[in-house]
């Protein structure tokens, strides 16, 4: 299986879902571990550098994540063996797409907003594959696996860990709403409209929307 093809598939799926103008493929921005050695952090991550008004992006995929996805293509079968790796890859593609969208819209974005949208994107991308592979069934366990049974990297700062926990909690509530309101009754056109509205909200509006959910 070609991991670059998978990354572009995820990118195009997100762009289609959110009615975004297609961007250059994320694979044009992939950096090897060696090329990213001078940047902080480790593992899969999205790198941002600014020079005046110019913003440059780079995407790093952990070699272990890439190797597992190459061996177990989630487009053929997404299960407990490759779910974490698929989500790790999807998260970086989500960051890439959302940062490009915000740059094109000339709007700022916070790290919490970026993480929250990535959590929602992971859920929707996983739901898409699982529904194809299970005759449209929605997994009742998926939300818990993604948003409650996760592991934070040992070297994550307390600020980063708290931000991830907050993003997961907010995403759980929003995705529960999407599942109950749109996925279970198969209102897919309405799901797309709701997802597109949410995508274009800023952080404050996203959190207000989630706070209003019953």
N, C-alpha and C. Protein backbone atom coordinates (compact mmCIF):
# COMPACT_ATOMS: atom_id res chain seq x y z
N UNK A 1 0.84 -1.19 0.00
CA UNK A 1 0.00 0.00 0.00
C UNK A 1 0.87 1.24 0.00
N UNK A 2 0.49 2.24 -0.76
CA UNK A 2 1.22 3.50 -0.83
C UNK A 2 0.72 4.46 0.24
N UNK A 3 1.56 4.76 1.22
CA UNK A 3 1.17 5.70 2.27
C UNK A 3 0.93 7.10 1.70
N UNK A 4 1.77 7.60 0.78
CA UNK A 4 1.46 8.91 0.18
C UNK A 4 0.08 8.96 -0.46
N UNK A 5 -0.32 7.88 -1.14
CA UNK A 5 -1.66 7.85 -1.74
C UNK A 5 -2.74 7.95 -0.66
N UNK A 6 -2.53 7.27 0.45
CA UNK A 6 -3.49 7.33 1.55
C UNK A 6 -3.61 8.75 2.08
N UNK A 7 -2.49 9.43 2.28
CA UNK A 7 -2.51 10.80 2.80
C UNK A 7 -3.28 11.73 1.86
N UNK A 8 -3.05 11.58 0.57
CA UNK A 8 -3.77 12.42 -0.39
C UNK A 8 -5.25 12.06 -0.41
N UNK A 9 -5.58 10.78 -0.27
CA UNK A 9 -6.98 10.38 -0.19
C UNK A 9 -7.68 11.06 0.98
N UNK A 10 -7.02 11.08 2.14
CA UNK A 10 -7.59 11.73 3.32
C UNK A 10 -7.76 13.23 3.06
N UNK A 11 -6.74 13.84 2.47
CA UNK A 11 -6.83 15.27 2.16
C UNK A 11 -8.00 15.57 1.24
N UNK A 12 -8.14 14.82 0.17
CA UNK A 12 -9.22 15.09 -0.79
C UNK A 12 -10.59 14.82 -0.15
N UNK A 13 -10.66 13.84 0.74
CA UNK A 13 -11.92 13.56 1.42
C UNK A 13 -12.32 14.74 2.31
N UNK A 14 -11.37 15.30 3.02
CA UNK A 14 -11.65 16.45 3.88
C UNK A 14 -12.04 17.66 3.03
N UNK A 15 -11.32 17.89 1.96
CA UNK A 15 -11.64 19.03 1.09
C UNK A 15 -13.04 18.88 0.49
N UNK A 16 -13.40 17.66 0.11
CA UNK A 16 -14.74 17.42 -0.44
C UNK A 16 -15.81 17.60 0.63
N UNK A 17 -15.58 17.02 1.81
CA UNK A 17 -16.54 17.13 2.90
C UNK A 17 -16.83 18.58 3.24
N UNK A 18 -15.78 19.40 3.32
CA UNK A 18 -15.94 20.78 3.76
C UNK A 18 -16.09 21.77 2.61
N UNK A 19 -16.22 21.27 1.38
CA UNK A 19 -16.41 22.12 0.20
C UNK A 19 -15.29 23.15 0.08
N UNK A 20 -14.05 22.65 0.18
CA UNK A 20 -12.87 23.51 0.07
C UNK A 20 -12.28 23.40 -1.32
N UNK A 21 -11.64 24.46 -1.75
CA UNK A 21 -10.91 24.41 -3.01
C UNK A 21 -9.70 23.49 -2.84
N UNK A 22 -9.50 22.53 -3.72
CA UNK A 22 -8.36 21.60 -3.57
C UNK A 22 -7.03 22.33 -3.53
N UNK A 23 -6.20 21.93 -2.59
CA UNK A 23 -4.86 22.49 -2.44
C UNK A 23 -3.84 21.54 -3.07
N UNK A 24 -2.60 21.99 -3.13
CA UNK A 24 -1.51 21.11 -3.56
C UNK A 24 -1.47 19.91 -2.63
N UNK A 25 -1.12 18.73 -3.13
CA UNK A 25 -1.14 17.53 -2.27
C UNK A 25 -0.22 17.65 -1.08
N UNK A 26 -0.69 17.14 0.04
CA UNK A 26 0.09 17.19 1.28
C UNK A 26 1.44 16.51 1.10
N UNK A 27 1.52 15.55 0.19
CA UNK A 27 2.77 14.84 -0.04
C UNK A 27 3.87 15.75 -0.56
N UNK A 28 3.50 16.90 -1.16
CA UNK A 28 4.52 17.87 -1.60
C UNK A 28 5.21 18.53 -0.42
N UNK A 29 4.63 18.38 0.78
CA UNK A 29 5.14 19.06 1.97
C UNK A 29 5.69 18.07 3.00
N UNK A 30 5.75 16.80 2.63
CA UNK A 30 6.25 15.79 3.55
C UNK A 30 7.75 15.97 3.76
N UNK A 31 8.16 15.87 5.02
CA UNK A 31 9.58 15.95 5.37
C UNK A 31 9.99 14.64 6.03
N UNK A 32 11.18 14.19 5.73
CA UNK A 32 11.71 13.01 6.40
C UNK A 32 12.13 13.37 7.82
N UNK A 33 12.32 12.36 8.64
CA UNK A 33 12.83 12.60 10.00
C UNK A 33 14.15 13.36 9.96
N UNK A 34 14.98 13.01 9.00
CA UNK A 34 16.29 13.66 8.89
C UNK A 34 16.14 15.13 8.53
N UNK A 35 15.23 15.43 7.60
CA UNK A 35 15.03 16.81 7.18
C UNK A 35 14.41 17.65 8.30
N UNK A 36 13.65 16.99 9.19
CA UNK A 36 12.98 17.71 10.27
C UNK A 36 13.80 17.71 11.56
N UNK A 37 15.03 17.21 11.50
CA UNK A 37 15.85 17.05 12.70
C UNK A 37 16.11 18.38 13.41
N UNK A 38 16.14 19.47 12.67
CA UNK A 38 16.43 20.77 13.28
C UNK A 38 15.23 21.42 13.94
N UNK A 39 14.06 20.81 13.81
CA UNK A 39 12.84 21.38 14.37
C UNK A 39 12.53 20.72 15.72
N UNK A 40 11.82 21.43 16.59
CA UNK A 40 11.47 20.84 17.90
C UNK A 40 10.45 19.73 17.76
N UNK A 41 10.38 18.88 18.79
CA UNK A 41 9.38 17.83 18.81
C UNK A 41 9.86 16.57 18.14
N UNK A 42 9.01 15.57 18.17
CA UNK A 42 9.32 14.29 17.55
C UNK A 42 8.04 13.61 17.13
N UNK A 43 8.17 12.51 16.41
CA UNK A 43 7.00 11.78 15.93
C UNK A 43 6.29 12.53 14.83
N UNK A 44 5.03 12.16 14.59
CA UNK A 44 4.23 12.83 13.57
C UNK A 44 3.90 14.24 14.03
N UNK A 45 4.09 15.22 13.15
CA UNK A 45 3.80 16.60 13.52
C UNK A 45 3.74 17.48 12.28
N UNK A 46 3.10 18.63 12.42
CA UNK A 46 3.03 19.62 11.36
C UNK A 46 3.86 20.81 11.78
N UNK A 47 4.76 21.22 10.91
CA UNK A 47 5.71 22.29 11.22
C UNK A 47 5.29 23.57 10.49
N UNK A 48 5.38 24.69 11.20
CA UNK A 48 5.00 25.98 10.64
C UNK A 48 6.15 26.95 10.83
N UNK A 49 6.49 27.67 9.78
CA UNK A 49 7.47 28.75 9.90
C UNK A 49 6.93 29.97 9.16
N UNK A 50 7.25 31.15 9.69
CA UNK A 50 6.74 32.38 9.10
C UNK A 50 7.89 33.31 8.76
N UNK A 51 7.77 33.95 7.61
CA UNK A 51 8.74 34.96 7.16
C UNK A 51 7.93 36.15 6.66
N UNK A 52 7.71 37.13 7.56
CA UNK A 52 6.83 38.23 7.23
C UNK A 52 5.40 37.72 7.11
N UNK A 53 4.79 37.96 5.95
CA UNK A 53 3.42 37.49 5.72
C UNK A 53 3.39 36.10 5.09
N UNK A 54 4.55 35.54 4.83
CA UNK A 54 4.63 34.23 4.19
C UNK A 54 4.64 33.12 5.23
N UNK A 55 3.82 32.10 5.03
CA UNK A 55 3.73 30.97 5.94
C UNK A 55 4.15 29.70 5.20
N UNK A 56 5.08 28.95 5.78
CA UNK A 56 5.54 27.71 5.19
C UNK A 56 5.14 26.55 6.09
N UNK A 57 4.71 25.45 5.48
CA UNK A 57 4.28 24.28 6.22
C UNK A 57 5.14 23.07 5.84
N UNK A 58 5.32 22.19 6.80
CA UNK A 58 5.97 20.92 6.55
C UNK A 58 5.27 19.86 7.40
N UNK A 59 5.13 18.66 6.85
CA UNK A 59 4.43 17.58 7.55
C UNK A 59 5.39 16.41 7.73
N UNK A 60 5.48 15.94 8.96
CA UNK A 60 6.34 14.80 9.29
C UNK A 60 5.45 13.65 9.73
N UNK A 61 5.67 12.48 9.16
CA UNK A 61 4.93 11.28 9.56
C UNK A 61 5.91 10.33 10.22
N UNK A 62 5.60 9.95 11.47
CA UNK A 62 6.47 9.02 12.19
C UNK A 62 6.70 7.77 11.35
N UNK A 63 7.95 7.33 11.22
CA UNK A 63 8.24 6.15 10.39
C UNK A 63 7.47 4.91 10.82
N UNK A 64 7.26 4.74 12.13
CA UNK A 64 6.50 3.60 12.61
C UNK A 64 5.05 3.65 12.16
N UNK A 65 4.47 4.86 12.14
CA UNK A 65 3.10 5.03 11.66
C UNK A 65 3.02 4.68 10.18
N UNK A 66 3.97 5.18 9.40
CA UNK A 66 3.98 4.90 7.98
C UNK A 66 4.15 3.42 7.68
N UNK A 67 5.03 2.76 8.42
CA UNK A 67 5.28 1.34 8.19
C UNK A 67 4.04 0.51 8.49
N UNK A 68 3.34 0.84 9.58
CA UNK A 68 2.15 0.06 9.93
C UNK A 68 1.04 0.27 8.90
N UNK A 69 0.86 1.52 8.45
CA UNK A 69 -0.17 1.79 7.45
C UNK A 69 0.16 1.13 6.12
N UNK A 70 1.44 1.05 5.78
CA UNK A 70 1.84 0.38 4.55
C UNK A 70 1.52 -1.10 4.60
N UNK A 71 1.62 -1.69 5.79
CA UNK A 71 1.35 -3.12 5.95
C UNK A 71 -0.13 -3.42 6.10
N UNK A 72 -0.88 -2.48 6.71
CA UNK A 72 -2.30 -2.70 6.99
C UNK A 72 -3.10 -1.50 6.49
N UNK A 73 -3.48 -1.54 5.24
CA UNK A 73 -4.18 -0.43 4.60
C UNK A 73 -5.55 -0.23 5.24
N UNK A 74 -5.80 0.91 5.90
CA UNK A 74 -7.10 1.13 6.55
C UNK A 74 -8.24 1.26 5.55
N UNK A 75 -7.93 1.52 4.29
CA UNK A 75 -8.99 1.60 3.28
C UNK A 75 -9.53 0.22 2.93
N UNK A 76 -8.75 -0.81 3.23
CA UNK A 76 -9.19 -2.19 3.05
C UNK A 76 -9.88 -2.68 4.31
N UNK A 77 -9.24 -2.43 5.46
CA UNK A 77 -9.82 -2.82 6.75
C UNK A 77 -9.26 -1.91 7.83
N UNK A 78 -10.16 -1.17 8.46
CA UNK A 78 -9.79 -0.32 9.60
C UNK A 78 -10.24 -1.02 10.86
N UNK A 79 -9.28 -1.36 11.73
CA UNK A 79 -9.62 -2.05 12.97
C UNK A 79 -8.64 -1.64 14.06
N UNK A 80 -8.65 -2.38 15.16
CA UNK A 80 -7.82 -2.03 16.30
C UNK A 80 -6.33 -2.05 16.03
N UNK A 81 -5.92 -2.74 14.98
CA UNK A 81 -4.49 -2.82 14.68
C UNK A 81 -3.95 -1.54 14.04
N UNK A 82 -4.75 -0.88 13.24
CA UNK A 82 -4.24 0.29 12.51
C UNK A 82 -5.01 1.58 12.80
N UNK A 83 -5.98 1.55 13.72
CA UNK A 83 -6.77 2.75 14.00
C UNK A 83 -5.91 3.89 14.52
N UNK A 84 -5.03 3.62 15.48
CA UNK A 84 -4.20 4.69 16.04
C UNK A 84 -3.30 5.31 14.97
N UNK A 85 -2.71 4.48 14.13
CA UNK A 85 -1.83 4.99 13.08
C UNK A 85 -2.61 5.79 12.04
N UNK A 86 -3.79 5.29 11.68
CA UNK A 86 -4.63 6.03 10.74
C UNK A 86 -5.00 7.39 11.33
N UNK A 87 -5.33 7.42 12.60
CA UNK A 87 -5.70 8.69 13.24
C UNK A 87 -4.50 9.64 13.33
N UNK A 88 -3.32 9.10 13.59
CA UNK A 88 -2.11 9.94 13.65
C UNK A 88 -1.85 10.59 12.30
N UNK A 89 -1.99 9.82 11.22
CA UNK A 89 -1.79 10.37 9.88
C UNK A 89 -2.88 11.37 9.53
N UNK A 90 -4.13 11.03 9.86
CA UNK A 90 -5.25 11.92 9.56
C UNK A 90 -5.12 13.23 10.30
N UNK A 91 -4.63 13.18 11.53
CA UNK A 91 -4.46 14.41 12.32
C UNK A 91 -3.53 15.38 11.62
N UNK A 92 -2.40 14.89 11.10
CA UNK A 92 -1.45 15.79 10.44
C UNK A 92 -2.02 16.33 9.13
N UNK A 93 -2.75 15.50 8.38
CA UNK A 93 -3.39 15.98 7.16
C UNK A 93 -4.44 17.04 7.52
N UNK A 94 -5.19 16.80 8.59
CA UNK A 94 -6.18 17.78 9.04
C UNK A 94 -5.52 19.11 9.37
N UNK A 95 -4.43 19.07 10.12
CA UNK A 95 -3.72 20.31 10.44
C UNK A 95 -3.31 21.04 9.17
N UNK A 96 -2.76 20.29 8.23
CA UNK A 96 -2.30 20.88 6.96
C UNK A 96 -3.46 21.56 6.23
N UNK A 97 -4.57 20.86 6.08
CA UNK A 97 -5.71 21.40 5.35
C UNK A 97 -6.29 22.62 6.08
N UNK A 98 -6.41 22.53 7.40
CA UNK A 98 -7.03 23.63 8.15
C UNK A 98 -6.13 24.87 8.17
N UNK A 99 -4.84 24.67 8.29
CA UNK A 99 -3.92 25.80 8.26
C UNK A 99 -3.93 26.49 6.90
N UNK A 100 -4.00 25.70 5.83
CA UNK A 100 -4.08 26.29 4.49
C UNK A 100 -5.40 27.04 4.32
N UNK A 101 -6.48 26.48 4.84
CA UNK A 101 -7.78 27.15 4.77
C UNK A 101 -7.75 28.48 5.52
N UNK A 102 -7.18 28.48 6.73
CA UNK A 102 -7.12 29.71 7.53
C UNK A 102 -6.22 30.75 6.87
N UNK A 103 -5.12 30.29 6.29
CA UNK A 103 -4.21 31.23 5.61
C UNK A 103 -4.91 31.86 4.41
N UNK A 104 -5.63 31.05 3.65
CA UNK A 104 -6.34 31.57 2.49
C UNK A 104 -7.44 32.54 2.91
N UNK A 105 -8.07 32.27 4.06
CA UNK A 105 -9.14 33.13 4.56
C UNK A 105 -8.60 34.31 5.36
N UNK A 106 -7.28 34.38 5.52
CA UNK A 106 -6.62 35.46 6.27
C UNK A 106 -7.18 35.57 7.68
N UNK A 107 -7.27 34.42 8.35
CA UNK A 107 -7.74 34.41 9.72
C UNK A 107 -6.73 33.68 10.60
N UNK A 108 -6.69 34.08 11.85
CA UNK A 108 -5.77 33.45 12.79
C UNK A 108 -6.39 32.16 13.30
N UNK A 109 -5.55 31.30 13.87
CA UNK A 109 -6.03 30.03 14.41
C UNK A 109 -5.24 29.71 15.67
N UNK A 110 -5.91 29.23 16.69
CA UNK A 110 -5.24 28.85 17.93
C UNK A 110 -4.89 27.37 17.89
N UNK A 111 -4.01 26.96 18.78
CA UNK A 111 -3.63 25.55 18.84
C UNK A 111 -4.81 24.68 19.29
N UNK A 112 -5.62 25.19 20.22
CA UNK A 112 -6.79 24.42 20.66
C UNK A 112 -7.77 24.24 19.51
N UNK A 113 -8.00 25.29 18.74
CA UNK A 113 -8.90 25.20 17.58
C UNK A 113 -8.39 24.18 16.57
N UNK A 114 -7.09 24.20 16.35
CA UNK A 114 -6.47 23.27 15.41
C UNK A 114 -6.65 21.83 15.88
N UNK A 115 -6.43 21.60 17.18
CA UNK A 115 -6.56 20.25 17.75
C UNK A 115 -8.02 19.79 17.74
N UNK A 116 -8.94 20.69 18.08
CA UNK A 116 -10.35 20.33 18.10
C UNK A 116 -10.82 19.91 16.72
N UNK A 117 -10.47 20.69 15.70
CA UNK A 117 -10.90 20.34 14.35
C UNK A 117 -10.28 19.02 13.90
N UNK A 118 -9.04 18.78 14.29
CA UNK A 118 -8.39 17.52 13.93
C UNK A 118 -9.09 16.34 14.58
N UNK A 119 -9.54 16.50 15.82
CA UNK A 119 -10.26 15.41 16.49
C UNK A 119 -11.58 15.10 15.76
N UNK A 120 -12.29 16.13 15.37
CA UNK A 120 -13.53 15.93 14.62
C UNK A 120 -13.23 15.27 13.28
N UNK A 121 -12.16 15.72 12.62
CA UNK A 121 -11.79 15.15 11.32
C UNK A 121 -11.42 13.68 11.44
N UNK A 122 -10.70 13.31 12.50
CA UNK A 122 -10.35 11.90 12.71
C UNK A 122 -11.62 11.06 12.82
N UNK A 123 -12.56 11.54 13.59
CA UNK A 123 -13.81 10.80 13.78
C UNK A 123 -14.54 10.62 12.45
N UNK A 124 -14.71 11.71 11.70
CA UNK A 124 -15.47 11.64 10.46
C UNK A 124 -14.77 10.78 9.41
N UNK A 125 -13.45 10.86 9.34
CA UNK A 125 -12.72 10.02 8.38
C UNK A 125 -12.81 8.55 8.75
N UNK A 126 -12.72 8.25 10.04
CA UNK A 126 -12.84 6.86 10.48
C UNK A 126 -14.26 6.35 10.26
N UNK A 127 -15.26 7.17 10.54
CA UNK A 127 -16.65 6.79 10.29
C UNK A 127 -16.87 6.47 8.82
N UNK A 128 -16.29 7.27 7.96
CA UNK A 128 -16.45 7.06 6.51
C UNK A 128 -15.93 5.68 6.11
N UNK A 129 -14.72 5.35 6.55
CA UNK A 129 -14.15 4.05 6.18
C UNK A 129 -14.92 2.90 6.82
N UNK A 130 -15.25 3.05 8.09
CA UNK A 130 -15.95 1.96 8.79
C UNK A 130 -17.34 1.72 8.19
N UNK A 131 -18.00 2.78 7.78
CA UNK A 131 -19.33 2.60 7.19
C UNK A 131 -19.24 1.89 5.84
N UNK A 132 -18.19 2.18 5.07
CA UNK A 132 -17.99 1.48 3.81
C UNK A 132 -17.71 0.00 4.04
N UNK A 133 -16.99 -0.29 5.11
CA UNK A 133 -16.56 -1.66 5.38
C UNK A 133 -17.59 -2.46 6.18
N UNK A 134 -18.62 -1.80 6.70
CA UNK A 134 -19.60 -2.48 7.56
C UNK A 134 -21.03 -2.17 7.14
N UNK A 135 -21.24 -2.00 5.85
CA UNK A 135 -22.58 -1.82 5.30
C UNK A 135 -23.32 -0.65 5.95
N UNK A 136 -22.59 0.43 6.18
CA UNK A 136 -23.20 1.65 6.69
C UNK A 136 -23.36 1.73 8.19
N UNK A 137 -22.97 0.70 8.92
CA UNK A 137 -23.14 0.71 10.38
C UNK A 137 -22.21 1.74 11.03
N UNK A 138 -22.71 2.40 12.07
CA UNK A 138 -21.91 3.36 12.85
C UNK A 138 -21.42 2.66 14.11
N UNK A 139 -20.11 2.66 14.32
CA UNK A 139 -19.55 2.00 15.49
C UNK A 139 -19.90 2.76 16.77
N UNK A 140 -20.49 2.08 17.73
CA UNK A 140 -20.82 2.70 19.00
C UNK A 140 -19.58 2.94 19.86
N UNK A 141 -18.50 2.21 19.56
CA UNK A 141 -17.29 2.29 20.39
C UNK A 141 -16.30 3.34 19.89
N UNK A 142 -16.51 3.84 18.69
CA UNK A 142 -15.50 4.69 18.07
C UNK A 142 -15.21 5.94 18.90
N UNK A 143 -16.25 6.62 19.36
CA UNK A 143 -16.04 7.86 20.12
C UNK A 143 -15.19 7.59 21.36
N UNK A 144 -15.49 6.52 22.07
CA UNK A 144 -14.72 6.20 23.27
C UNK A 144 -13.27 5.87 22.92
N UNK A 145 -13.05 5.12 21.86
CA UNK A 145 -11.69 4.75 21.46
C UNK A 145 -10.88 5.99 21.11
N UNK A 146 -11.51 6.94 20.42
CA UNK A 146 -10.79 8.13 19.97
C UNK A 146 -10.62 9.17 21.07
N UNK A 147 -11.66 9.39 21.85
CA UNK A 147 -11.69 10.56 22.72
C UNK A 147 -11.58 10.26 24.21
N UNK A 148 -11.58 8.98 24.58
CA UNK A 148 -11.47 8.65 26.00
C UNK A 148 -10.37 7.63 26.30
N UNK A 149 -10.07 6.79 25.35
CA UNK A 149 -9.04 5.77 25.56
C UNK A 149 -7.79 6.09 24.75
N UNK A 150 -7.31 7.32 24.88
CA UNK A 150 -6.12 7.75 24.15
C UNK A 150 -4.93 7.81 25.11
N UNK A 151 -3.74 7.90 24.53
CA UNK A 151 -2.52 8.01 25.34
C UNK A 151 -1.76 9.26 24.92
N UNK A 152 -1.42 10.09 25.89
CA UNK A 152 -0.65 11.30 25.63
C UNK A 152 0.83 10.97 25.72
N UNK A 153 1.61 11.48 24.80
CA UNK A 153 3.05 11.20 24.76
C UNK A 153 3.70 11.56 26.09
N UNK A 154 4.62 10.71 26.51
CA UNK A 154 5.29 10.91 27.80
C UNK A 154 6.03 12.24 27.88
N UNK A 155 6.54 12.71 26.74
CA UNK A 155 7.33 13.94 26.74
C UNK A 155 6.48 15.19 26.49
N UNK A 156 5.16 15.05 26.44
CA UNK A 156 4.29 16.20 26.20
C UNK A 156 4.31 17.13 27.42
N UNK A 157 4.37 18.43 27.17
CA UNK A 157 4.33 19.39 28.26
C UNK A 157 2.94 19.35 28.91
N UNK A 158 2.85 19.87 30.12
CA UNK A 158 1.56 19.89 30.81
C UNK A 158 0.55 20.74 30.04
N UNK A 159 1.02 21.81 29.42
CA UNK A 159 0.13 22.68 28.63
C UNK A 159 -0.41 21.93 27.42
N UNK A 160 0.47 21.21 26.73
CA UNK A 160 0.04 20.46 25.56
C UNK A 160 -0.91 19.33 25.95
N UNK A 161 -0.61 18.64 27.04
CA UNK A 161 -1.47 17.55 27.50
C UNK A 161 -2.86 18.06 27.86
N UNK A 162 -2.92 19.19 28.57
CA UNK A 162 -4.21 19.75 28.95
C UNK A 162 -4.99 20.21 27.71
N UNK A 163 -4.30 20.77 26.73
CA UNK A 163 -4.96 21.20 25.50
C UNK A 163 -5.54 20.00 24.76
N UNK A 164 -4.81 18.90 24.72
CA UNK A 164 -5.29 17.71 24.04
C UNK A 164 -6.50 17.12 24.76
N UNK A 165 -6.44 17.11 26.09
CA UNK A 165 -7.58 16.59 26.86
C UNK A 165 -8.83 17.44 26.61
N UNK A 166 -8.64 18.77 26.57
CA UNK A 166 -9.78 19.66 26.33
C UNK A 166 -10.35 19.43 24.93
N UNK A 167 -9.47 19.33 23.93
CA UNK A 167 -9.93 19.11 22.55
C UNK A 167 -10.69 17.79 22.45
N UNK A 168 -10.21 16.77 23.14
CA UNK A 168 -10.88 15.46 23.09
C UNK A 168 -12.26 15.53 23.73
N UNK A 169 -12.38 16.25 24.85
CA UNK A 169 -13.67 16.37 25.52
C UNK A 169 -14.68 17.13 24.65
N UNK A 170 -14.23 18.23 24.06
CA UNK A 170 -15.12 19.01 23.19
C UNK A 170 -15.52 18.19 21.96
N UNK A 171 -14.55 17.48 21.37
CA UNK A 171 -14.84 16.68 20.18
C UNK A 171 -15.81 15.55 20.49
N UNK A 172 -15.66 14.93 21.65
CA UNK A 172 -16.58 13.85 22.04
C UNK A 172 -18.01 14.36 22.03
N UNK A 173 -18.22 15.50 22.63
CA UNK A 173 -19.58 16.03 22.73
C UNK A 173 -20.13 16.40 21.36
N UNK A 174 -19.30 17.03 20.53
CA UNK A 174 -19.77 17.43 19.20
C UNK A 174 -20.03 16.22 18.31
N UNK A 175 -19.13 15.24 18.35
CA UNK A 175 -19.30 14.05 17.51
C UNK A 175 -20.47 13.20 17.98
N UNK A 176 -20.75 13.21 19.27
CA UNK A 176 -21.95 12.53 19.77
C UNK A 176 -23.20 13.17 19.17
N UNK A 177 -23.19 14.49 19.09
CA UNK A 177 -24.29 15.22 18.46
C UNK A 177 -24.42 14.84 16.99
N UNK A 178 -23.31 14.81 16.26
CA UNK A 178 -23.35 14.43 14.85
C UNK A 178 -23.88 13.01 14.67
N UNK A 179 -23.44 12.13 15.56
CA UNK A 179 -23.85 10.73 15.45
C UNK A 179 -25.36 10.58 15.68
N UNK A 180 -25.86 11.20 16.75
CA UNK A 180 -27.27 11.04 17.09
C UNK A 180 -28.18 11.79 16.11
N UNK A 181 -27.75 12.97 15.71
CA UNK A 181 -28.63 13.83 14.89
C UNK A 181 -28.58 13.47 13.41
N UNK A 182 -27.42 13.05 12.92
CA UNK A 182 -27.26 12.89 11.47
C UNK A 182 -26.83 11.50 11.02
N UNK A 183 -25.89 10.87 11.73
CA UNK A 183 -25.35 9.60 11.25
C UNK A 183 -26.34 8.44 11.43
N UNK A 184 -26.87 8.30 12.62
CA UNK A 184 -27.78 7.17 12.86
C UNK A 184 -29.02 7.21 11.97
N UNK A 185 -29.62 8.39 11.78
CA UNK A 185 -30.78 8.43 10.86
C UNK A 185 -30.38 8.57 9.39
N UNK A 186 -29.07 8.49 9.09
CA UNK A 186 -28.55 8.56 7.71
C UNK A 186 -28.94 9.86 7.01
N UNK A 187 -28.86 10.96 7.73
CA UNK A 187 -29.10 12.28 7.13
C UNK A 187 -27.75 12.85 6.69
N UNK A 188 -27.19 12.26 5.65
CA UNK A 188 -25.82 12.56 5.27
C UNK A 188 -25.67 13.94 4.63
N UNK A 189 -26.66 14.39 3.88
CA UNK A 189 -26.60 15.73 3.30
C UNK A 189 -26.62 16.78 4.41
N UNK A 190 -27.45 16.55 5.42
CA UNK A 190 -27.51 17.48 6.57
C UNK A 190 -26.21 17.42 7.37
N UNK A 191 -25.62 16.23 7.47
CA UNK A 191 -24.33 16.10 8.14
C UNK A 191 -23.27 16.95 7.45
N UNK A 192 -23.25 16.90 6.14
CA UNK A 192 -22.27 17.69 5.38
C UNK A 192 -22.48 19.18 5.61
N UNK A 193 -23.74 19.62 5.59
CA UNK A 193 -24.01 21.04 5.81
C UNK A 193 -23.60 21.48 7.21
N UNK A 194 -23.91 20.68 8.22
CA UNK A 194 -23.53 21.02 9.59
C UNK A 194 -22.02 21.04 9.74
N UNK A 195 -21.34 20.04 9.18
CA UNK A 195 -19.89 19.96 9.29
C UNK A 195 -19.21 21.16 8.64
N UNK A 196 -19.75 21.59 7.51
CA UNK A 196 -19.17 22.75 6.81
C UNK A 196 -19.37 24.03 7.60
N UNK A 197 -20.53 24.18 8.23
CA UNK A 197 -20.76 25.37 9.07
C UNK A 197 -19.78 25.38 10.24
N UNK A 198 -19.65 24.24 10.90
CA UNK A 198 -18.77 24.15 12.06
C UNK A 198 -17.32 24.43 11.67
N UNK A 199 -16.90 23.90 10.53
CA UNK A 199 -15.52 24.06 10.07
C UNK A 199 -15.14 25.53 9.94
N UNK A 200 -16.08 26.35 9.53
CA UNK A 200 -15.80 27.75 9.24
C UNK A 200 -15.94 28.67 10.45
N UNK A 201 -16.33 28.10 11.59
CA UNK A 201 -16.40 28.89 12.82
C UNK A 201 -15.01 29.05 13.42
N UNK A 202 -14.79 30.16 14.14
CA UNK A 202 -13.57 30.33 14.90
C UNK A 202 -13.66 29.57 16.22
N UNK A 203 -12.60 29.63 17.00
CA UNK A 203 -12.57 28.85 18.25
C UNK A 203 -13.72 29.24 19.17
N UNK A 204 -13.94 30.52 19.40
CA UNK A 204 -14.99 30.94 20.34
C UNK A 204 -16.34 30.43 19.88
N UNK A 205 -16.64 30.57 18.58
CA UNK A 205 -17.93 30.12 18.06
C UNK A 205 -18.06 28.60 18.12
N UNK A 206 -16.98 27.88 17.87
CA UNK A 206 -17.02 26.42 17.98
C UNK A 206 -17.36 25.98 19.41
N UNK A 207 -16.69 26.59 20.37
CA UNK A 207 -16.92 26.21 21.76
C UNK A 207 -18.32 26.62 22.22
N UNK A 208 -18.82 27.75 21.75
CA UNK A 208 -20.18 28.15 22.08
C UNK A 208 -21.19 27.17 21.49
N UNK A 209 -20.95 26.73 20.27
CA UNK A 209 -21.82 25.75 19.62
C UNK A 209 -21.88 24.46 20.43
N UNK A 210 -20.71 23.98 20.87
CA UNK A 210 -20.65 22.74 21.64
C UNK A 210 -21.33 22.92 23.00
N UNK A 211 -21.14 24.08 23.62
CA UNK A 211 -21.75 24.34 24.93
C UNK A 211 -23.28 24.34 24.86
N UNK A 212 -23.83 24.67 23.72
CA UNK A 212 -25.28 24.74 23.55
C UNK A 212 -25.92 23.37 23.30
N UNK A 213 -25.10 22.36 22.99
CA UNK A 213 -25.65 21.05 22.65
C UNK A 213 -26.25 20.38 23.87
N UNK A 214 -27.35 19.72 23.67
CA UNK A 214 -28.01 19.02 24.76
C UNK A 214 -27.63 17.53 24.71
